[in-house]
């Protein structure tokens, strides 16, 4: 079960899709641009907050399950995956939703559980090869 309200003082406590790792996220609207702060152990990742609505819109338009394809920034993202979309020049942002150079990847790992928590998407929770789709 997810806890938290998504503020710095009460972040969402999430688990990766396989349920193997816990992390926190919160929205910082004071940042320019507004960001989603993702804390994974001692590592802080930042994603443009527009990712929430943009990813939901893409999933809705896609209409079916799409693989997550999470990958580090230095590794290629699987074609047709959420990870590939999160860094594609054809997405609404025109590139990476990750904002911290060297740590811009893993979009397909950390953002899907947030959309699930917000009631915007369904995510599978298998050991690997997870997928997501817009909530019906």
N, C-alpha and C. Protein backbone atom coordinates (compact mmCIF):
# COMPACT_ATOMS: atom_id res chain seq x y z
N UNK A 1 0.84 -1.19 0.00
CA UNK A 1 0.00 0.00 0.00
C UNK A 1 0.88 1.24 0.00
N UNK A 2 0.50 2.20 -0.79
CA UNK A 2 1.25 3.45 -0.89
C UNK A 2 0.80 4.40 0.21
N UNK A 3 1.75 5.12 0.76
CA UNK A 3 1.43 6.11 1.77
C UNK A 3 1.94 7.46 1.30
N UNK A 4 1.53 8.51 2.00
CA UNK A 4 2.01 9.86 1.71
C UNK A 4 1.06 10.64 0.83
N UNK A 5 1.24 11.96 0.89
CA UNK A 5 0.39 12.87 0.13
C UNK A 5 1.14 13.55 -1.01
N UNK A 6 2.43 13.25 -1.16
CA UNK A 6 3.19 13.80 -2.28
C UNK A 6 3.83 15.15 -2.02
N UNK A 7 3.98 15.51 -0.73
CA UNK A 7 4.69 16.74 -0.39
C UNK A 7 6.07 16.36 0.13
N UNK A 8 6.94 17.34 0.24
CA UNK A 8 8.29 17.08 0.75
C UNK A 8 8.23 16.50 2.16
N UNK A 9 7.32 17.00 2.99
CA UNK A 9 7.20 16.53 4.36
C UNK A 9 6.44 15.21 4.49
N UNK A 10 5.69 14.85 3.45
CA UNK A 10 4.90 13.61 3.47
C UNK A 10 4.92 12.99 2.07
N UNK A 11 6.11 12.52 1.64
CA UNK A 11 6.23 12.01 0.27
C UNK A 11 5.46 10.70 0.07
N UNK A 12 5.17 10.44 -1.21
CA UNK A 12 4.61 9.13 -1.55
C UNK A 12 5.70 8.09 -1.29
N UNK A 13 5.35 7.01 -0.65
CA UNK A 13 6.27 5.89 -0.45
C UNK A 13 5.81 4.81 -1.43
N UNK A 14 6.66 4.52 -2.40
CA UNK A 14 6.31 3.64 -3.51
C UNK A 14 7.23 2.43 -3.57
N UNK A 15 6.84 1.46 -4.37
CA UNK A 15 7.69 0.30 -4.65
C UNK A 15 7.83 0.17 -6.16
N UNK A 16 9.00 -0.28 -6.60
CA UNK A 16 9.21 -0.54 -8.02
C UNK A 16 8.17 -1.58 -8.47
N UNK A 17 7.87 -1.65 -9.76
CA UNK A 17 6.83 -2.57 -10.22
C UNK A 17 6.97 -4.02 -9.74
N UNK A 18 8.19 -4.60 -9.69
CA UNK A 18 8.26 -5.97 -9.15
C UNK A 18 8.07 -6.03 -7.63
N UNK A 19 8.06 -4.87 -6.97
CA UNK A 19 7.90 -4.82 -5.53
C UNK A 19 9.18 -5.07 -4.75
N UNK A 20 10.32 -4.99 -5.43
CA UNK A 20 11.59 -5.35 -4.79
C UNK A 20 12.29 -4.18 -4.09
N UNK A 21 11.99 -2.95 -4.47
CA UNK A 21 12.68 -1.80 -3.89
C UNK A 21 11.67 -0.70 -3.55
N UNK A 22 11.90 -0.07 -2.40
CA UNK A 22 11.05 1.04 -1.97
C UNK A 22 11.77 2.35 -2.24
N UNK A 23 11.01 3.39 -2.57
CA UNK A 23 11.56 4.72 -2.82
C UNK A 23 10.47 5.74 -2.52
N UNK A 24 10.84 7.01 -2.48
CA UNK A 24 9.86 8.06 -2.23
C UNK A 24 9.86 9.06 -3.39
N UNK A 25 8.72 9.72 -3.54
CA UNK A 25 8.58 10.79 -4.54
C UNK A 25 7.73 11.89 -3.93
N UNK A 26 8.00 13.11 -4.34
CA UNK A 26 7.13 14.22 -3.99
C UNK A 26 7.22 15.26 -5.09
N UNK A 27 6.19 16.07 -5.14
CA UNK A 27 6.11 17.12 -6.15
C UNK A 27 6.62 18.43 -5.55
N UNK A 28 7.52 19.10 -6.27
CA UNK A 28 8.05 20.40 -5.84
C UNK A 28 7.64 21.43 -6.88
N UNK A 29 6.53 22.11 -6.60
CA UNK A 29 6.02 23.11 -7.55
C UNK A 29 6.76 24.44 -7.46
N UNK A 30 7.61 24.61 -6.44
CA UNK A 30 8.39 25.84 -6.31
C UNK A 30 9.59 25.83 -7.25
N UNK A 31 9.99 24.65 -7.71
CA UNK A 31 11.13 24.54 -8.64
C UNK A 31 10.72 25.09 -10.00
N UNK A 32 11.69 25.48 -10.80
CA UNK A 32 11.42 26.01 -12.14
C UNK A 32 12.23 25.21 -13.16
N UNK A 33 11.60 24.32 -13.92
CA UNK A 33 10.17 23.98 -13.92
C UNK A 33 9.82 23.12 -12.71
N UNK A 34 8.50 23.01 -12.38
CA UNK A 34 8.10 22.12 -11.30
C UNK A 34 8.63 20.71 -11.55
N UNK A 35 9.04 20.03 -10.47
CA UNK A 35 9.66 18.72 -10.61
C UNK A 35 9.00 17.68 -9.70
N UNK A 36 9.24 16.43 -10.06
CA UNK A 36 8.96 15.30 -9.19
C UNK A 36 10.32 14.87 -8.66
N UNK A 37 10.50 14.89 -7.35
CA UNK A 37 11.75 14.49 -6.72
C UNK A 37 11.60 13.02 -6.33
N UNK A 38 12.51 12.22 -6.82
CA UNK A 38 12.51 10.78 -6.57
C UNK A 38 13.75 10.43 -5.76
N UNK A 39 13.55 9.93 -4.55
CA UNK A 39 14.67 9.58 -3.67
C UNK A 39 14.76 8.06 -3.59
N UNK A 40 15.88 7.53 -4.10
CA UNK A 40 16.12 6.09 -4.10
C UNK A 40 17.39 5.87 -3.29
N UNK A 41 17.25 5.46 -2.05
CA UNK A 41 18.41 5.35 -1.18
C UNK A 41 19.07 6.71 -1.06
N UNK A 42 20.37 6.79 -1.34
CA UNK A 42 21.10 8.05 -1.29
C UNK A 42 21.08 8.83 -2.60
N UNK A 43 20.36 8.33 -3.60
CA UNK A 43 20.34 8.97 -4.91
C UNK A 43 19.05 9.76 -5.11
N UNK A 44 19.20 11.01 -5.55
CA UNK A 44 18.05 11.86 -5.84
C UNK A 44 17.94 12.06 -7.35
N UNK A 45 16.80 11.65 -7.90
CA UNK A 45 16.52 11.86 -9.32
C UNK A 45 15.45 12.93 -9.43
N UNK A 46 15.47 13.68 -10.52
CA UNK A 46 14.47 14.72 -10.76
C UNK A 46 13.82 14.48 -12.11
N UNK A 47 12.49 14.55 -12.13
CA UNK A 47 11.74 14.43 -13.37
C UNK A 47 10.85 15.65 -13.52
N UNK A 48 10.75 16.16 -14.74
CA UNK A 48 9.85 17.28 -15.02
C UNK A 48 8.44 16.85 -14.62
N UNK A 49 7.75 17.67 -13.83
CA UNK A 49 6.42 17.32 -13.33
C UNK A 49 5.39 17.16 -14.44
N UNK A 50 5.64 17.73 -15.62
CA UNK A 50 4.72 17.56 -16.75
C UNK A 50 4.63 16.10 -17.17
N UNK A 51 5.59 15.28 -16.71
CA UNK A 51 5.60 13.86 -17.05
C UNK A 51 4.30 13.17 -16.64
N UNK A 52 3.70 13.57 -15.54
CA UNK A 52 2.49 12.91 -15.07
C UNK A 52 1.38 13.02 -16.11
N UNK A 53 1.03 14.23 -16.49
CA UNK A 53 -0.05 14.43 -17.47
C UNK A 53 0.34 13.96 -18.86
N UNK A 54 1.58 14.20 -19.25
CA UNK A 54 2.03 13.81 -20.59
C UNK A 54 2.03 12.29 -20.74
N UNK A 55 2.54 11.57 -19.73
CA UNK A 55 2.57 10.11 -19.79
C UNK A 55 1.15 9.56 -19.80
N UNK A 56 0.27 10.12 -18.99
CA UNK A 56 -1.12 9.67 -18.97
C UNK A 56 -1.77 9.88 -20.34
N UNK A 57 -1.52 11.03 -20.95
CA UNK A 57 -2.09 11.31 -22.29
C UNK A 57 -1.56 10.31 -23.32
N UNK A 58 -0.26 10.01 -23.25
CA UNK A 58 0.31 9.04 -24.19
C UNK A 58 -0.32 7.66 -24.00
N UNK A 59 -0.47 7.24 -22.74
CA UNK A 59 -1.07 5.94 -22.46
C UNK A 59 -2.52 5.88 -22.94
N UNK A 60 -3.25 6.94 -22.73
CA UNK A 60 -4.64 7.00 -23.18
C UNK A 60 -4.72 6.90 -24.70
N UNK A 61 -3.86 7.63 -25.40
CA UNK A 61 -3.83 7.58 -26.86
C UNK A 61 -3.40 6.20 -27.36
N UNK A 62 -2.46 5.59 -26.66
CA UNK A 62 -1.96 4.26 -27.04
C UNK A 62 -3.05 3.21 -26.88
N UNK A 63 -3.81 3.31 -25.79
CA UNK A 63 -4.97 2.48 -25.58
C UNK A 63 -4.74 1.05 -25.14
N UNK A 64 -3.53 0.58 -25.08
CA UNK A 64 -3.27 -0.81 -24.71
C UNK A 64 -2.03 -0.86 -23.82
N UNK A 65 -1.67 -2.04 -23.37
CA UNK A 65 -0.49 -2.21 -22.55
C UNK A 65 0.76 -1.80 -23.32
N UNK A 66 1.70 -1.19 -22.61
CA UNK A 66 2.98 -0.80 -23.18
C UNK A 66 4.08 -1.23 -22.20
N UNK A 67 5.17 -1.82 -22.68
CA UNK A 67 6.23 -2.25 -21.76
C UNK A 67 6.91 -1.06 -21.08
N UNK A 68 7.35 -1.27 -19.84
CA UNK A 68 8.02 -0.19 -19.10
C UNK A 68 9.43 0.06 -19.63
N UNK A 69 10.23 -0.98 -19.77
CA UNK A 69 11.56 -0.86 -20.35
C UNK A 69 12.54 0.00 -19.59
N UNK A 70 12.46 0.06 -18.28
CA UNK A 70 13.35 0.90 -17.49
C UNK A 70 14.82 0.63 -17.78
N UNK A 71 15.59 1.71 -17.95
CA UNK A 71 17.02 1.59 -18.23
C UNK A 71 17.75 2.83 -17.71
N UNK A 72 19.00 2.64 -17.29
CA UNK A 72 19.84 3.77 -16.91
C UNK A 72 20.06 4.66 -18.12
N UNK A 73 20.41 5.91 -17.86
CA UNK A 73 20.63 6.88 -18.94
C UNK A 73 21.66 6.39 -19.95
N UNK A 74 22.71 5.71 -19.49
CA UNK A 74 23.80 5.31 -20.36
C UNK A 74 23.45 4.10 -21.23
N UNK A 75 22.32 3.46 -20.97
CA UNK A 75 21.90 2.27 -21.73
C UNK A 75 20.75 2.63 -22.65
N UNK A 76 20.67 1.96 -23.81
CA UNK A 76 19.55 2.25 -24.71
C UNK A 76 18.23 1.75 -24.12
N UNK A 77 17.17 2.48 -24.40
CA UNK A 77 15.84 2.08 -23.95
C UNK A 77 15.22 1.17 -25.00
N UNK A 78 14.52 0.12 -24.58
CA UNK A 78 13.86 -0.76 -25.54
C UNK A 78 12.84 0.01 -26.39
N UNK A 79 12.85 -0.25 -27.68
CA UNK A 79 11.91 0.41 -28.59
C UNK A 79 10.47 0.18 -28.14
N UNK A 80 9.66 1.21 -28.26
CA UNK A 80 8.24 1.09 -27.94
C UNK A 80 7.92 1.04 -26.47
N UNK A 81 8.88 1.36 -25.61
CA UNK A 81 8.66 1.29 -24.16
C UNK A 81 8.38 2.66 -23.56
N UNK A 82 7.89 2.66 -22.33
CA UNK A 82 7.69 3.90 -21.58
C UNK A 82 9.03 4.63 -21.44
N UNK A 83 10.09 3.88 -21.17
CA UNK A 83 11.43 4.48 -21.04
C UNK A 83 11.84 5.19 -22.33
N UNK A 84 11.63 4.53 -23.47
CA UNK A 84 11.99 5.15 -24.76
C UNK A 84 11.19 6.42 -24.99
N UNK A 85 9.90 6.38 -24.67
CA UNK A 85 9.06 7.57 -24.83
C UNK A 85 9.54 8.70 -23.92
N UNK A 86 9.97 8.38 -22.70
CA UNK A 86 10.41 9.38 -21.72
C UNK A 86 11.68 10.11 -22.10
N UNK A 87 12.34 9.66 -23.17
CA UNK A 87 13.56 10.33 -23.63
C UNK A 87 13.50 10.70 -25.11
N UNK A 88 12.39 10.43 -25.76
CA UNK A 88 12.26 10.64 -27.20
C UNK A 88 12.06 12.11 -27.57
N UNK A 89 12.67 12.52 -28.67
CA UNK A 89 12.48 13.88 -29.15
C UNK A 89 11.04 14.11 -29.61
N UNK A 90 10.29 13.04 -29.85
CA UNK A 90 8.90 13.15 -30.30
C UNK A 90 7.90 13.29 -29.16
N UNK A 91 8.35 13.20 -27.89
CA UNK A 91 7.40 13.37 -26.78
C UNK A 91 7.09 14.87 -26.61
N UNK A 92 6.05 15.23 -25.85
CA UNK A 92 5.67 16.64 -25.72
C UNK A 92 6.77 17.56 -25.21
N UNK A 93 7.71 17.02 -24.43
CA UNK A 93 8.81 17.83 -23.90
C UNK A 93 9.95 17.97 -24.90
N UNK A 94 9.98 17.08 -25.89
CA UNK A 94 11.03 17.12 -26.90
C UNK A 94 12.33 16.49 -26.43
N UNK A 95 12.25 15.53 -25.52
CA UNK A 95 13.45 14.85 -25.02
C UNK A 95 13.25 14.34 -23.61
N UNK A 96 14.32 14.29 -22.87
CA UNK A 96 14.34 13.68 -21.54
C UNK A 96 13.41 14.36 -20.54
N UNK A 97 12.60 13.57 -19.84
CA UNK A 97 11.85 14.07 -18.69
C UNK A 97 12.74 14.08 -17.45
N UNK A 98 13.77 13.24 -17.44
CA UNK A 98 14.75 13.27 -16.36
C UNK A 98 15.58 14.53 -16.49
N UNK A 99 15.84 15.20 -15.38
CA UNK A 99 16.49 16.52 -15.42
C UNK A 99 17.92 16.54 -14.89
N UNK A 100 18.38 15.46 -14.29
CA UNK A 100 19.70 15.44 -13.68
C UNK A 100 20.66 14.67 -14.56
N UNK A 101 21.54 15.37 -15.25
CA UNK A 101 22.48 14.73 -16.18
C UNK A 101 23.18 13.56 -15.51
N UNK A 102 23.21 12.43 -16.21
CA UNK A 102 23.81 11.22 -15.67
C UNK A 102 22.80 10.35 -14.92
N UNK A 103 21.68 10.96 -14.49
CA UNK A 103 20.64 10.25 -13.76
C UNK A 103 19.26 10.50 -14.39
N UNK A 104 19.25 10.67 -15.71
CA UNK A 104 17.98 11.01 -16.38
C UNK A 104 17.15 9.77 -16.72
N UNK A 105 17.74 8.60 -16.66
CA UNK A 105 17.03 7.38 -17.01
C UNK A 105 16.16 6.87 -15.88
N UNK A 106 15.75 5.61 -16.01
CA UNK A 106 14.91 4.91 -15.04
C UNK A 106 13.49 5.49 -14.98
N UNK A 107 13.10 6.29 -15.96
CA UNK A 107 11.75 6.85 -16.05
C UNK A 107 10.72 5.73 -16.04
N UNK A 108 11.02 4.65 -16.77
CA UNK A 108 10.11 3.51 -16.87
C UNK A 108 10.08 2.64 -15.62
N UNK A 109 10.94 2.95 -14.65
CA UNK A 109 10.94 2.22 -13.38
C UNK A 109 10.16 3.01 -12.33
N UNK A 110 10.46 4.31 -12.21
CA UNK A 110 9.95 5.09 -11.10
C UNK A 110 8.65 5.84 -11.36
N UNK A 111 8.37 6.25 -12.60
CA UNK A 111 7.14 7.00 -12.86
C UNK A 111 5.88 6.13 -12.91
N UNK A 112 5.92 4.91 -13.46
CA UNK A 112 4.68 4.12 -13.52
C UNK A 112 4.00 3.89 -12.16
N UNK A 113 4.72 3.53 -11.09
CA UNK A 113 4.03 3.37 -9.81
C UNK A 113 3.37 4.67 -9.31
N UNK A 114 3.96 5.81 -9.65
CA UNK A 114 3.35 7.08 -9.26
C UNK A 114 2.02 7.27 -9.98
N UNK A 115 1.98 7.01 -11.29
CA UNK A 115 0.72 7.14 -12.02
C UNK A 115 -0.32 6.15 -11.51
N UNK A 116 0.14 4.97 -11.10
CA UNK A 116 -0.78 3.99 -10.52
C UNK A 116 -1.35 4.53 -9.21
N UNK A 117 -0.50 5.10 -8.36
CA UNK A 117 -0.94 5.67 -7.08
C UNK A 117 -1.92 6.81 -7.28
N UNK A 118 -1.71 7.60 -8.32
CA UNK A 118 -2.59 8.73 -8.61
C UNK A 118 -3.89 8.30 -9.28
N UNK A 119 -4.03 7.00 -9.55
CA UNK A 119 -5.25 6.49 -10.16
C UNK A 119 -5.34 6.72 -11.66
N UNK A 120 -4.19 6.98 -12.29
CA UNK A 120 -4.17 7.29 -13.73
C UNK A 120 -3.79 6.10 -14.59
N UNK A 121 -3.21 5.06 -13.99
CA UNK A 121 -2.71 3.94 -14.78
C UNK A 121 -2.79 2.64 -14.00
N UNK A 122 -2.75 1.55 -14.75
CA UNK A 122 -2.61 0.21 -14.19
C UNK A 122 -1.20 -0.25 -14.54
N UNK A 123 -0.54 -0.92 -13.60
CA UNK A 123 0.82 -1.41 -13.79
C UNK A 123 0.84 -2.88 -13.38
N UNK A 124 1.51 -3.71 -14.19
CA UNK A 124 1.68 -5.10 -13.79
C UNK A 124 2.82 -5.18 -12.77
N UNK A 125 2.82 -6.23 -11.97
CA UNK A 125 3.80 -6.36 -10.89
C UNK A 125 4.47 -7.73 -10.92
N UNK A 126 4.97 -8.10 -12.08
CA UNK A 126 5.67 -9.36 -12.24
C UNK A 126 7.14 -9.18 -11.87
N UNK A 127 7.90 -10.27 -11.83
CA UNK A 127 9.33 -10.20 -11.50
C UNK A 127 10.11 -9.38 -12.52
N UNK A 128 9.70 -9.41 -13.79
CA UNK A 128 10.32 -8.57 -14.83
C UNK A 128 9.36 -8.43 -16.00
N UNK A 129 9.76 -7.60 -16.96
CA UNK A 129 8.94 -7.33 -18.16
C UNK A 129 7.56 -6.78 -17.83
N UNK A 130 7.50 -5.81 -16.92
CA UNK A 130 6.24 -5.20 -16.53
C UNK A 130 5.75 -4.24 -17.59
N UNK A 131 4.43 -3.99 -17.54
CA UNK A 131 3.78 -3.12 -18.51
C UNK A 131 2.82 -2.20 -17.78
N UNK A 132 2.33 -1.19 -18.52
CA UNK A 132 1.33 -0.30 -17.95
C UNK A 132 0.37 0.13 -19.04
N UNK A 133 -0.79 0.63 -18.61
CA UNK A 133 -1.78 1.22 -19.52
C UNK A 133 -2.58 2.23 -18.74
N UNK A 134 -3.26 3.10 -19.47
CA UNK A 134 -4.11 4.11 -18.82
C UNK A 134 -5.22 3.39 -18.07
N UNK A 135 -5.61 3.93 -16.95
CA UNK A 135 -6.70 3.35 -16.15
C UNK A 135 -7.99 3.48 -16.93
N UNK A 136 -8.74 2.42 -16.96
CA UNK A 136 -10.01 2.41 -17.70
C UNK A 136 -11.15 2.77 -16.79
